[in-house]
Amino acid sequence: MQMEYQIPPAPLIRGLCVPMVTALDGRGGFDAVSQERLVSRLAGEEARAPALFTNGTSGEWMGLDPDVRFRCTEAAHYALSGGRGPSLWAGVNDRTAAGVGRGLEHAMRIGAAAAVVAPLAVEDVADVLDLFHNHISPLYQRLGRGLPVFLYDNPDHYRHGPQDRLRTEEVKQLSRLDYVCGVKVSADARTAGNYLKGARNFKARHEFGVYLGQALQAFPLFEPDRGVWGRIRGRWRRFWVAPEAPQGIVPLSANLFPGDWRRAWAACMAGESGRMAEYARVLGRLHRAFRFGGIHKGVACVKLALAEEGVLASPATAPGTPALEASERDAWLREYRGVKEALAALDPGAAPRPAARALPGAAAPAEGEDLSVPAREHLAVALAELEALGRDYPPEPLTRACGMVLNAESHGRRVHVTGVGKCEYVAGYIASSYSSTGTPAFFLHATEAGHGASGQVSAGDVVIAISNSGETGELKAAVDTLQRNGARILGVGGRPESWLARRSEVFLRAGVRREGDELNLAPRNSVLAEILVLNALGVALQRHKGFTAEQFRAFHPGGSLGRVERA
């Protein structure tokens, strides 16, 4: 079959790819805020992970609904928006070929750098090659574009049928496809060695990377050949085990210690035997601590530690994931803290690791300290973010939003504005601003909407709903109530793939990549973006209606503006 589709360059990275855990709340629902906090931690200055991988085994994909898996990838993409930082590899694993196809289309739509597919988990295909030749390649042909794919040699308990691993010959054949660019291996050292032996054949047509899920296997593969016995051992290793070095590592524990794994990989690349041995010892201790009674409980351990650090709001795991008993939780946290101290001792000059729920002090500024530096940095970031938002803003959603409001008004309907938290204040300002410039608008208290306040909204009214994440629980409840009563929703927020965007008749994007401080959590620039976009809509409505200075004077006789108009 002639390939007639476009594929972006393969995002082959050398080094660390973090298989992220999926943040769940105490009720088992997806926690977008915690997920974004984890992404920010892994992409931060101390970690600098080259790639992040969603919805793998660490992400508990088999225990989660497809919608949750999509939202996890969306949250990661949102936290990385702006094009800088790690590459995003979207796990598109599913039990069906159609599900894999939907995952690929979703990953392409949000702009992921690559997709990761576990072929042996797909239950409705004849074999591994069938999935690619008769499902994925035709999908790319139909769409006219595709996405680089990494194979996922998934663990035994996620496979379908008797075949426990991808065969080297299958990987060799799949590597001929221009979009298959690597394999993530979670197997034992012997199987990993078979893939590494075949890597030269895999690279016959294009670059192809082998990534080790059991990252401790990397240390002996990079051991320098020193002395006679070292050279003999090195030749034996290259001939029998791995003539090619792995492209990178994908360790579960990198969710906790990304910077340490990055430094461990650097030691491997440099052949620093002493540091390699120290990292192998301490990180090996961590991985051994994941096992309780012969059962690997790594995902539950990692989530508990991240909750202890304040990164995740809850250590909840998905159905089917081995959970920790109460005694095991205490034992794991003791071991985790010991490993954390041991790693800190290995790199005393590294950036300090986050302390558990520590709050900054309120010390007086040092003499000569210029406190205007972070303030001026924030101003520069805010201007850059707003300029990026305004540059080439698509006209179609603004045009549709104007039409939506004008159509409602022409039928005697009204405009309401609502939000939760900081967005509540934005909603109050916008309602007041619109009302004073010719578009009467009414503030709606979102959390009171389910307690009678939604009675101010009639069927056919337009409700402008504001939420940066688009996932705020109180706003979702309000929108559900309003739509049941016939309201039309005009959504405004930072995430075009969010719940709010999907539920809105029209959605206006008002997102930023950086809030303007080192935490990147408190809504600062995102609030400015929401005001900017909604003011733009207000100006368009004002101009269309031919709103005059005389009309403004009639609405605004008081204050300095009123005095200016009277003069």
Protein backbone atom coordinates (compact mmCIF):
# COMPACT_ATOMS: atom_id res chain seq x y z
CA MET A 1 0.00 0.00 0.00
CA GLN A 2 1.37 3.41 -0.95
CA MET A 3 1.61 5.66 2.08
CA GLU A 4 -0.12 9.00 1.44
CA TYR A 5 -0.13 10.75 4.76
CA GLN A 6 2.09 13.16 6.65
CA ILE A 7 3.99 12.09 9.76
CA PRO A 8 5.77 14.62 12.01
CA PRO A 9 9.39 13.87 12.94
CA ALA A 10 9.80 11.07 15.47
CA PRO A 11 10.37 12.54 18.96
CA LEU A 12 13.22 10.16 19.80
CA ILE A 13 14.74 11.38 23.04
CA ARG A 14 17.90 10.10 24.64
CA GLY A 15 17.54 9.60 28.34
CA LEU A 16 14.56 9.76 30.66
CA CYS A 17 10.89 9.30 29.76
CA VAL A 18 8.59 9.40 32.80
CA PRO A 19 5.57 7.03 32.75
CA MET A 20 3.21 9.25 34.71
CA VAL A 21 0.72 7.95 37.22
CA THR A 22 -2.89 9.11 36.76
CA ALA A 23 -4.23 11.45 39.45
CA LEU A 24 -7.56 10.31 40.91
CA ASP A 25 -9.63 11.93 43.63
CA GLY A 26 -10.94 10.18 46.74
CA ARG A 27 -14.04 8.98 44.86
CA GLY A 28 -12.05 7.53 41.96
CA GLY A 29 -12.74 10.40 39.55
CA PHE A 30 -10.03 12.13 37.57
CA ASP A 31 -8.24 15.01 39.33
CA ALA A 32 -7.06 17.39 36.60
CA VAL A 33 -5.50 19.89 39.02
CA SER A 34 -3.29 17.25 40.66
CA GLN A 35 -2.33 15.85 37.25
CA GLU A 36 -1.22 19.26 36.06
CA ARG A 37 0.72 19.75 39.29
CA LEU A 38 2.55 16.46 38.67
CA VAL A 39 3.35 17.46 35.09
CA SER A 40 4.72 20.81 36.26
CA ARG A 41 6.93 19.00 38.78
CA LEU A 42 8.29 16.60 36.14
CA ALA A 43 8.88 19.38 33.63
CA GLY A 44 10.50 21.69 36.20
CA GLU A 45 14.06 22.88 36.40
CA GLU A 46 15.22 20.17 38.83
CA ALA A 47 13.64 17.31 36.86
CA ARG A 48 13.97 18.39 33.21
CA ALA A 49 12.53 15.12 31.94
CA PRO A 50 12.82 15.02 28.12
CA ALA A 51 9.52 13.12 27.68
CA LEU A 52 6.36 12.28 29.62
CA PHE A 53 4.21 9.23 28.89
CA THR A 54 0.52 9.00 29.85
CA ASN A 55 -1.78 5.99 30.19
CA GLY A 56 0.77 3.22 30.44
CA THR A 57 0.89 0.53 33.10
CA SER A 58 1.89 3.21 35.63
CA GLY A 59 -1.15 5.19 34.49
CA GLU A 60 -3.44 2.20 35.24
CA TRP A 61 -5.02 2.44 31.79
CA MET A 62 -6.81 -0.90 31.99
CA GLY A 63 -8.69 0.19 35.12
CA LEU A 64 -9.84 3.55 33.71
CA ASP A 65 -12.60 4.55 31.30
CA PRO A 66 -11.47 5.92 27.91
CA ASP A 67 -12.83 9.35 28.84
CA VAL A 68 -10.57 9.47 31.91
CA ARG A 69 -7.58 8.39 29.81
CA PHE A 70 -8.30 11.16 27.30
CA ARG A 71 -8.66 13.74 30.07
CA CYS A 72 -5.35 12.66 31.58
CA THR A 73 -3.58 13.30 28.27
CA GLU A 74 -5.43 16.60 27.87
CA ALA A 75 -4.35 17.73 31.33
CA ALA A 76 -0.72 16.86 30.56
CA HIS A 77 -0.90 18.68 27.22
CA TYR A 78 -2.48 21.71 28.87
CA ALA A 79 0.25 21.84 31.53
CA LEU A 80 2.90 21.65 28.78
CA SER A 81 1.18 24.08 26.41
CA GLY A 82 3.47 26.54 24.70
CA GLY A 83 5.71 24.06 22.90
CA ARG A 84 8.60 24.08 25.38
CA GLY A 85 9.57 21.40 27.84
CA PRO A 86 9.15 17.64 27.59
CA SER A 87 7.64 15.79 24.63
CA LEU A 88 4.24 14.29 25.36
CA TRP A 89 3.79 10.62 24.45
CA ALA A 90 0.09 9.76 24.65
CA GLY A 91 -0.77 6.22 25.63
CA VAL A 92 -3.61 5.09 23.34
CA ASN A 93 -3.91 1.56 24.71
CA ASP A 94 -7.29 -0.13 24.50
CA ARG A 95 -8.85 -3.59 24.34
CA THR A 96 -10.20 -2.94 20.82
CA ALA A 97 -8.68 -1.77 17.56
CA ALA A 98 -11.41 0.87 17.25
CA GLY A 99 -10.50 2.14 20.72
CA VAL A 100 -6.85 2.44 19.71
CA GLY A 101 -7.98 4.38 16.62
CA ARG A 102 -10.04 6.80 18.71
CA GLY A 103 -7.05 7.29 20.99
CA LEU A 104 -4.80 8.07 18.04
CA GLU A 105 -7.24 10.62 16.65
CA HIS A 106 -7.54 12.25 20.08
CA ALA A 107 -3.74 12.38 20.48
CA MET A 108 -3.41 14.02 17.06
CA ARG A 109 -6.18 16.50 17.82
CA ILE A 110 -4.58 17.80 21.00
CA GLY A 111 -1.06 17.88 19.51
CA ALA A 112 0.79 15.03 21.28
CA ALA A 113 4.30 14.38 19.95
CA ALA A 114 3.80 10.59 19.71
CA ALA A 115 1.49 7.74 20.66
CA VAL A 116 2.27 4.56 22.58
CA VAL A 117 0.42 1.36 21.63
CA ALA A 118 0.34 -1.99 23.47
CA PRO A 119 -0.52 -4.39 20.58
CA LEU A 120 -0.85 -7.53 22.71
CA ALA A 121 -3.65 -5.96 24.77
CA VAL A 122 -5.96 -5.58 21.74
CA GLU A 123 -8.46 -8.43 21.78
CA ASP A 124 -10.23 -8.16 18.41
CA VAL A 125 -7.29 -8.50 16.00
CA ALA A 126 -5.77 -11.66 14.55
CA ASP A 127 -2.22 -10.71 15.52
CA VAL A 128 0.11 -7.78 16.12
CA LEU A 129 0.69 -7.07 12.42
CA ASP A 130 -3.07 -7.07 11.75
CA LEU A 131 -3.56 -4.14 14.13
CA PHE A 132 -1.10 -1.98 12.23
CA HIS A 133 -1.63 -3.10 8.64
CA ASN A 134 -5.44 -3.27 8.71
CA HIS A 135 -6.37 -0.63 11.28
CA ILE A 136 -3.73 2.01 12.06
CA SER A 137 -2.25 2.45 8.57
CA PRO A 138 -5.72 2.75 6.93
CA LEU A 139 -6.71 5.29 9.61
CA TYR A 140 -3.69 7.41 8.74
CA GLN A 141 -4.50 7.08 5.05
CA ARG A 142 -8.05 8.25 5.62
CA LEU A 143 -6.99 11.22 7.76
CA GLY A 144 -4.09 12.17 5.48
CA ARG A 145 -1.84 12.47 8.52
CA GLY A 146 -0.53 10.34 11.34
CA LEU A 147 1.47 10.29 14.53
CA PRO A 148 4.77 8.56 15.40
CA VAL A 149 4.10 5.36 17.36
CA PHE A 150 6.14 3.63 20.05
CA LEU A 151 5.38 -0.04 20.63
CA TYR A 152 4.61 -1.03 24.20
CA ASP A 153 5.80 -4.51 25.17
CA ASN A 154 3.29 -4.60 27.99
CA PRO A 155 3.39 -6.69 31.20
CA ASP A 156 1.91 -10.16 31.28
CA HIS A 157 -1.32 -9.29 33.09
CA TYR A 158 -2.31 -6.81 30.35
CA ARG A 159 -1.80 -9.14 27.42
CA HIS A 160 -4.49 -10.90 25.43
CA GLY A 161 -3.91 -14.49 24.36
CA PRO A 162 -0.98 -16.82 24.95
CA GLN A 163 1.76 -14.63 23.46
CA ASP A 164 3.58 -12.98 26.36
CA ARG A 165 5.95 -10.63 24.49
CA LEU A 166 6.35 -8.98 21.13
CA ARG A 167 8.54 -11.19 19.00
CA THR A 168 11.72 -9.68 17.62
CA GLU A 169 10.64 -10.58 14.09
CA GLU A 170 7.34 -8.74 14.60
CA VAL A 171 9.16 -5.64 15.79
CA LYS A 172 11.49 -5.89 12.80
CA GLN A 173 8.55 -5.99 10.39
CA LEU A 174 6.72 -3.15 12.13
CA SER A 175 9.86 -1.01 12.11
CA ARG A 176 9.48 -0.88 8.30
CA LEU A 177 6.44 1.34 8.79
CA ASP A 178 7.50 4.95 8.64
CA TYR A 179 5.55 5.85 11.77
CA VAL A 180 6.81 3.07 14.10
CA CYS A 181 9.86 4.63 15.72
CA GLY A 182 10.64 2.66 18.90
CA VAL A 183 9.66 0.15 21.55
CA LYS A 184 9.24 0.47 25.30
CA VAL A 185 10.40 -2.81 26.88
CA SER A 186 9.15 -3.87 30.29
CA ALA A 187 10.54 -7.42 30.04
CA ASP A 188 13.42 -9.16 31.75
CA ALA A 189 17.05 -8.53 30.79
CA ARG A 190 17.17 -11.44 28.32
CA THR A 191 14.15 -10.19 26.35
CA ALA A 192 15.42 -6.62 26.47
CA GLY A 193 18.72 -7.89 25.11
CA ASN A 194 16.91 -9.50 22.16
CA TYR A 195 15.36 -6.16 21.24
CA LEU A 196 18.71 -4.43 21.59
CA LYS A 197 20.34 -7.06 19.38
CA GLY A 198 17.70 -6.42 16.74
CA ALA A 199 17.99 -2.65 16.97
CA ARG A 200 20.41 -2.45 14.05
CA ASN A 201 17.90 -4.21 11.83
CA PHE A 202 15.09 -2.04 13.17
CA LYS A 203 17.08 1.03 12.07
CA ALA A 204 17.38 -0.12 8.46
CA ARG A 205 14.77 2.39 7.24
CA HIS A 206 14.80 5.10 9.90
CA GLU A 207 15.88 5.79 13.48
CA PHE A 208 14.40 3.40 16.02
CA GLY A 209 14.81 3.61 19.79
CA VAL A 210 14.65 0.92 22.47
CA TYR A 211 13.59 2.17 25.91
CA LEU A 212 13.93 0.11 29.10
CA GLY A 213 10.95 0.00 31.44
CA GLN A 214 13.05 -1.88 34.00
CA ALA A 215 15.54 0.94 34.09
CA LEU A 216 17.99 -0.76 36.47
CA GLN A 217 18.98 -2.95 33.49
CA ALA A 218 20.76 0.08 32.01
CA PHE A 219 23.58 0.15 34.58
CA PRO A 220 25.39 -3.07 33.54
CA LEU A 221 24.89 -2.24 29.85
CA PHE A 222 26.92 0.97 30.23
CA GLU A 223 29.63 -0.43 32.52
CA PRO A 224 33.01 0.68 31.05
CA ASP A 225 35.44 -1.98 29.79
CA ARG A 226 38.43 -1.51 32.12
CA GLY A 227 41.25 -4.00 32.45
CA VAL A 228 41.59 -7.38 30.80
CA TRP A 229 38.56 -8.92 32.43
CA GLY A 230 36.54 -5.79 31.79
CA ARG A 231 37.32 -5.93 28.08
CA ILE A 232 36.43 -9.64 27.96
CA ARG A 233 33.18 -8.95 29.80
CA GLY A 234 32.39 -6.04 27.45
CA ARG A 235 32.94 -8.15 24.32
CA TRP A 236 30.79 -10.93 25.75
CA ARG A 237 28.05 -8.41 26.59
CA ARG A 238 28.10 -6.83 23.13
CA PHE A 239 28.05 -10.22 21.39
CA TRP A 240 25.54 -12.11 23.55
CA VAL A 241 23.48 -9.46 25.29
CA ALA A 242 23.28 -6.05 23.65
CA PRO A 243 25.42 -4.80 20.77
CA GLU A 244 23.34 -1.60 20.79
CA ALA A 245 22.81 0.64 23.80
CA PRO A 246 19.26 1.55 24.83
CA GLN A 247 17.96 4.91 23.72
CA GLY A 248 16.56 5.69 27.14
CA ILE A 249 14.78 4.53 30.28
CA VAL A 250 11.14 4.63 31.46
CA PRO A 251 11.18 4.00 35.24
CA LEU A 252 8.03 4.22 37.37
CA SER A 253 10.01 5.73 40.25
CA ALA A 254 10.91 8.73 38.06
CA ASN A 255 7.52 10.11 39.14
CA LEU A 256 9.22 10.59 42.53
CA PHE A 257 12.87 11.22 41.61
CA PRO A 258 13.07 12.49 38.01
CA GLY A 259 16.19 14.58 38.65
CA ASP A 260 18.03 11.66 40.23
CA TRP A 261 17.17 9.34 37.34
CA ARG A 262 18.33 12.01 34.90
CA ARG A 263 21.66 12.25 36.75
CA ALA A 264 21.91 8.45 36.88
CA TRP A 265 21.48 8.31 33.09
CA ALA A 266 24.14 11.01 32.68
CA ALA A 267 26.51 8.89 34.79
CA CYS A 268 25.80 5.91 32.52
CA MET A 269 26.48 7.94 29.38
CA ALA A 270 29.74 9.22 30.87
CA GLY A 271 30.79 5.75 32.07
CA GLU A 272 31.27 6.94 35.67
CA SER A 273 31.46 3.55 37.35
CA GLY A 274 31.45 4.82 40.92
CA ARG A 275 28.37 7.02 40.51
CA MET A 276 26.62 4.32 38.48
CA ALA A 277 27.15 1.84 41.30
CA GLU A 278 25.82 4.28 43.90
CA TYR A 279 22.72 5.09 41.89
CA ALA A 280 22.12 1.40 41.13
CA ARG A 281 22.35 0.65 44.86
CA VAL A 282 19.97 3.37 46.07
CA LEU A 283 17.45 3.19 43.22
CA GLY A 284 17.53 -0.60 43.42
CA ARG A 285 16.61 -0.30 47.08
CA LEU A 286 13.62 1.85 46.08
CA HIS A 287 12.38 -0.66 43.52
CA ARG A 288 12.72 -3.56 45.94
CA ALA A 289 10.58 -1.59 48.38
CA PHE A 290 7.72 -1.66 45.86
CA ARG A 291 7.16 -5.37 46.56
CA PHE A 292 5.08 -6.67 49.45
CA GLY A 293 4.58 -10.40 49.86
CA GLY A 294 5.81 -10.98 46.33
CA ILE A 295 3.26 -8.53 44.85
CA HIS A 296 4.48 -5.43 43.01
CA LYS A 297 2.60 -2.42 44.41
CA GLY A 298 4.68 0.29 42.77
CA VAL A 299 1.80 2.43 41.52
CA ALA A 300 0.17 2.57 44.97
CA CYS A 301 3.56 3.34 46.55
CA VAL A 302 4.32 6.17 44.14
CA LYS A 303 0.88 7.72 44.57
CA LEU A 304 1.13 7.59 48.36
CA ALA A 305 4.53 9.31 48.30
CA LEU A 306 3.27 12.00 45.89
CA ALA A 307 0.31 12.62 48.16
CA GLU A 308 2.73 12.87 51.10
CA GLU A 309 4.67 15.51 49.15
CA GLY A 310 1.47 17.45 48.41
CA VAL A 311 1.66 16.82 44.65
CA LEU A 312 -1.45 14.63 44.50
CA ALA A 313 -4.52 15.47 46.53
CA SER A 314 -5.26 11.76 47.02
CA PRO A 315 -3.31 8.48 46.71
CA ALA A 316 -6.40 6.75 45.23
CA THR A 317 -5.75 3.98 42.71
CA ALA A 318 -7.92 2.59 39.91
CA PRO A 319 -9.90 -0.66 40.23
CA GLY A 320 -7.62 -3.67 39.84
CA THR A 321 -4.45 -1.92 40.99
CA PRO A 322 -2.83 -3.70 43.98
CA ALA A 323 -3.41 -1.49 47.03
CA LEU A 324 -1.31 -1.02 50.15
CA GLU A 325 -2.45 -2.31 53.51
CA ALA A 326 -2.23 0.07 56.48
CA SER A 327 0.96 -1.56 57.81
CA GLU A 328 2.47 -1.55 54.34
CA ARG A 329 1.78 2.18 53.95
CA ASP A 330 3.85 2.98 57.04
CA ALA A 331 6.67 0.64 55.99
CA TRP A 332 6.76 2.10 52.48
CA LEU A 333 6.85 5.72 53.67
CA ARG A 334 9.76 4.94 56.02
CA GLU A 335 11.67 3.34 53.14
CA TYR A 336 10.79 6.19 50.78
CA ARG A 337 12.12 8.80 53.20
CA GLY A 338 15.30 6.79 53.65
CA VAL A 339 15.85 6.60 49.89
CA LYS A 340 15.15 10.31 49.59
CA GLU A 341 17.85 11.07 52.14
CA ALA A 342 20.31 8.68 50.45
CA LEU A 343 19.77 10.31 47.06
CA ALA A 344 20.19 13.77 48.55
CA ALA A 345 23.53 12.63 49.99
CA LEU A 346 24.66 11.48 46.53
CA ASP A 347 24.08 14.93 45.05
CA PRO A 348 24.44 17.54 47.79
CA GLY A 349 24.70 20.29 45.16
CA ALA A 350 21.40 19.39 43.47
CA ALA A 351 18.32 21.54 43.87
CA PRO A 352 16.53 20.70 47.11
CA ARG A 353 13.78 18.11 46.75
CA PRO A 354 10.33 19.31 47.79
CA ALA A 355 9.59 18.84 51.48
CA ALA A 356 6.27 17.35 52.51
CA ARG A 357 3.69 20.13 52.53
CA ALA A 358 6.29 22.74 53.59
CA LEU A 359 5.20 26.38 53.58
CA PRO A 360 7.63 29.25 52.88
CA GLY A 361 8.71 31.42 55.76
CA ALA A 362 8.10 35.14 56.07
CA ALA A 363 11.66 36.30 56.72
CA ALA A 364 12.48 39.97 56.29
CA PRO A 365 14.24 40.85 53.02
CA ALA A 366 18.01 40.82 53.10
CA GLU A 367 19.80 44.13 52.93
CA GLY A 368 20.13 45.24 49.33
CA GLU A 369 17.69 42.59 48.06
CA ASP A 370 15.80 43.89 45.02
CA LEU A 371 12.21 42.73 45.56
CA SER A 372 11.19 44.28 42.26
CA VAL A 373 12.96 41.52 40.29
CA PRO A 374 10.20 38.88 40.55
CA ALA A 375 7.58 41.61 40.08
CA ARG A 376 9.18 42.79 36.84
CA GLU A 377 9.63 39.18 35.72
CA HIS A 378 5.91 38.66 36.24
CA LEU A 379 5.09 41.73 34.16
CA ALA A 380 7.27 40.45 31.32
CA VAL A 381 5.71 37.00 31.42
CA ALA A 382 2.17 38.43 31.54
CA LEU A 383 2.79 40.61 28.49
CA ALA A 384 4.31 37.69 26.59
CA GLU A 385 1.41 35.37 27.44
CA LEU A 386 -1.26 37.89 26.45
CA GLU A 387 0.59 38.74 23.24
CA ALA A 388 0.78 35.02 22.38
CA LEU A 389 -2.96 34.65 23.06
CA GLY A 390 -3.95 37.65 20.94
CA ARG A 391 -1.64 36.85 18.06
CA ASP A 392 -3.61 35.13 15.29
CA TYR A 393 -6.63 34.51 17.54
CA PRO A 394 -9.08 32.58 15.36
CA PRO A 395 -12.00 34.77 14.19
CA GLU A 396 -14.56 31.97 13.88
CA PRO A 397 -15.33 31.41 17.61
CA LEU A 398 -15.55 35.16 18.27
CA THR A 399 -17.93 35.56 15.33
CA ARG A 400 -20.09 32.68 16.56
CA ALA A 401 -20.10 34.07 20.11
CA CYS A 402 -21.27 37.46 18.87
CA GLY A 403 -23.99 35.81 16.80
CA MET A 404 -25.09 33.72 19.76
CA VAL A 405 -25.58 36.78 22.00
CA LEU A 406 -27.24 38.89 19.31
CA ASN A 407 -29.58 36.06 18.34
CA ALA A 408 -30.68 35.61 21.95
CA GLU A 409 -31.26 39.33 22.39
CA SER A 410 -33.30 39.49 19.17
CA HIS A 411 -35.68 36.94 20.70
CA GLY A 412 -36.03 38.84 23.96
CA ARG A 413 -33.55 36.65 25.84
CA ARG A 414 -30.88 37.79 28.29
CA VAL A 415 -27.18 37.28 29.00
CA HIS A 416 -25.83 35.95 32.32
CA VAL A 417 -22.20 35.50 33.42
CA THR A 418 -20.97 32.94 35.96
CA GLY A 419 -17.80 31.42 37.39
CA VAL A 420 -16.33 29.90 40.55
CA GLY A 421 -13.39 31.11 42.64
CA LYS A 422 -11.36 33.82 40.90
CA CYS A 423 -13.56 33.38 37.83
CA GLU A 424 -16.49 34.55 39.94
CA TYR A 425 -14.85 37.98 40.19
CA VAL A 426 -14.18 37.97 36.44
CA ALA A 427 -17.86 37.15 35.88
CA GLY A 428 -18.96 40.08 38.08
CA TYR A 429 -16.68 42.50 36.23
CA ILE A 430 -17.77 41.31 32.77
CA ALA A 431 -21.48 41.50 33.65
CA SER A 432 -20.98 45.09 34.84
CA SER A 433 -18.81 46.05 31.85
CA TYR A 434 -21.23 44.61 29.29
CA SER A 435 -24.19 46.29 30.97
CA SER A 436 -22.51 49.70 30.79
CA THR A 437 -21.67 49.33 27.08
CA GLY A 438 -24.99 48.29 25.58
CA THR A 439 -25.27 44.55 26.34
CA PRO A 440 -27.32 44.08 29.53
CA ALA A 441 -25.81 41.16 31.47
CA PHE A 442 -26.52 39.67 34.87
CA PHE A 443 -24.13 38.02 37.31
CA LEU A 444 -25.11 34.46 38.28
CA HIS A 445 -23.71 32.85 41.43
CA ALA A 446 -22.60 29.42 40.22
CA THR A 447 -22.67 27.58 43.53
CA GLU A 448 -26.18 28.92 44.21
CA ALA A 449 -27.47 27.83 40.78
CA GLY A 450 -28.53 24.47 42.19
CA HIS A 451 -30.25 26.15 45.12
CA GLY A 452 -32.68 28.40 43.29
CA ALA A 453 -30.45 31.04 41.68
CA SER A 454 -30.83 29.36 38.28
CA GLY A 455 -34.41 30.67 38.34
CA GLN A 456 -33.07 33.98 37.02
CA VAL A 457 -32.23 32.17 33.74
CA SER A 458 -35.00 31.45 31.25
CA ALA A 459 -34.93 28.94 28.40
CA GLY A 460 -33.00 30.45 25.48
CA ASP A 461 -30.91 32.79 27.66
CA VAL A 462 -27.15 32.80 27.08
CA VAL A 463 -24.94 31.95 30.07
CA ILE A 464 -21.25 32.84 29.76
CA ALA A 465 -19.53 30.20 31.93
CA ILE A 466 -15.89 30.92 32.87
CA SER A 467 -13.41 28.29 34.10
CA ASN A 468 -9.68 28.10 33.40
CA SER A 469 -9.54 24.31 33.77
CA GLY A 470 -13.06 23.67 32.49
CA GLU A 471 -13.32 20.92 35.10
CA THR A 472 -14.46 22.79 38.25
CA GLY A 473 -17.05 20.65 40.02
CA GLU A 474 -19.35 23.48 41.15
CA LEU A 475 -19.43 25.00 37.67
CA LYS A 476 -20.13 21.62 36.07
CA ALA A 477 -23.11 21.17 38.39
CA ALA A 478 -24.37 24.67 37.52
CA VAL A 479 -24.01 24.07 33.77
CA ASP A 480 -25.86 20.75 34.05
CA THR A 481 -28.77 22.48 35.83
CA LEU A 482 -28.85 25.41 33.40
CA GLN A 483 -28.79 23.24 30.30
CA ARG A 484 -31.60 21.07 31.64
CA ASN A 485 -33.62 24.28 31.96
CA GLY A 486 -32.92 25.31 28.37
CA ALA A 487 -30.01 27.76 28.73
CA ARG A 488 -27.39 28.13 26.00
CA ILE A 489 -23.78 27.91 27.24
CA LEU A 490 -20.96 30.12 25.96
CA GLY A 491 -17.83 28.66 27.57
CA VAL A 492 -14.61 30.56 28.27
CA GLY A 493 -11.46 28.84 29.53
CA GLY A 494 -7.94 27.66 28.94
CA ARG A 495 -8.52 24.11 27.76
CA PRO A 496 -10.27 23.50 24.43
CA GLU A 497 -10.54 19.76 25.23
CA SER A 498 -12.10 20.25 28.68
CA TRP A 499 -15.54 19.20 29.96
CA LEU A 500 -16.76 22.80 29.71
CA ALA A 501 -15.59 23.11 26.09
CA ARG A 502 -17.38 19.90 25.15
CA ARG A 503 -20.62 21.07 26.79
CA SER A 504 -20.57 24.59 25.31
CA GLU A 505 -22.44 25.69 22.20
CA VAL A 506 -19.53 28.06 21.57
CA PHE A 507 -16.17 28.00 23.37
CA LEU A 508 -13.67 30.88 23.55
CA ARG A 509 -10.11 29.87 24.35
CA ALA A 510 -8.52 32.05 27.02
CA GLY A 511 -5.53 30.04 28.20
CA VAL A 512 -1.93 30.72 29.14
CA ARG A 513 1.05 28.48 29.66
CA ARG A 514 2.57 30.42 32.55
CA GLU A 515 0.81 32.14 35.43
CA GLY A 516 3.88 34.28 36.10
CA ASP A 517 5.54 32.84 39.20
CA GLU A 518 7.71 29.87 40.07
CA LEU A 519 4.77 27.82 41.43
CA ASN A 520 2.64 28.30 38.29
CA LEU A 521 -0.48 27.47 40.32
CA ALA A 522 -2.33 30.62 41.47
CA PRO A 523 -4.53 32.05 38.67
CA ARG A 524 -2.91 35.29 37.62
CA ASN A 525 -2.28 35.48 33.90
CA SER A 526 -5.16 33.10 33.20
CA VAL A 527 -7.50 35.65 34.82
CA LEU A 528 -6.07 38.37 32.60
CA ALA A 529 -6.57 36.13 29.56
CA GLU A 530 -10.24 35.56 30.42
CA ILE A 531 -10.81 39.30 30.87
CA LEU A 532 -8.96 40.07 27.62
CA VAL A 533 -11.00 37.66 25.51
CA LEU A 534 -14.34 38.64 27.04
CA ASN A 535 -13.53 42.33 26.66
CA ALA A 536 -12.78 41.63 23.00
CA LEU A 537 -16.23 40.08 22.66
CA GLY A 538 -17.76 43.07 24.46
CA VAL A 539 -16.06 45.52 22.08
CA ALA A 540 -17.36 43.56 19.07
CA LEU A 541 -20.92 43.68 20.45
CA GLN A 542 -20.60 47.37 21.26
CA ARG A 543 -19.44 48.21 17.73
CA HIS A 544 -22.11 46.09 16.06
CA LYS A 545 -24.83 47.88 18.06
CA GLY A 546 -23.40 51.33 17.29
CA PHE A 547 -23.21 52.14 20.97
CA THR A 548 -22.54 55.88 21.38
CA ALA A 549 -20.93 58.21 23.91
CA GLU A 550 -24.35 59.68 24.64
CA GLN A 551 -25.67 56.27 25.59
CA PHE A 552 -22.62 55.64 27.78
CA ARG A 553 -23.17 59.03 29.48
CA ALA A 554 -26.75 58.06 30.25
CA PHE A 555 -25.63 54.79 31.86
CA HIS A 556 -22.63 56.29 33.67
CA PRO A 557 -23.36 59.77 35.05
CA GLY A 558 -21.26 59.35 38.18
CA GLY A 559 -17.53 59.25 38.92
CA SER A 560 -14.63 60.68 36.94
CA LEU A 561 -15.92 59.14 33.70
CA GLY A 562 -19.23 60.91 34.17
CA ARG A 563 -17.44 64.20 34.80
CA VAL A 564 -15.33 63.77 31.67
CA GLU A 565 -18.42 63.08 29.57
CA ARG A 566 -20.28 66.09 31.02
CA ALA A 567 -17.31 68.31 30.27
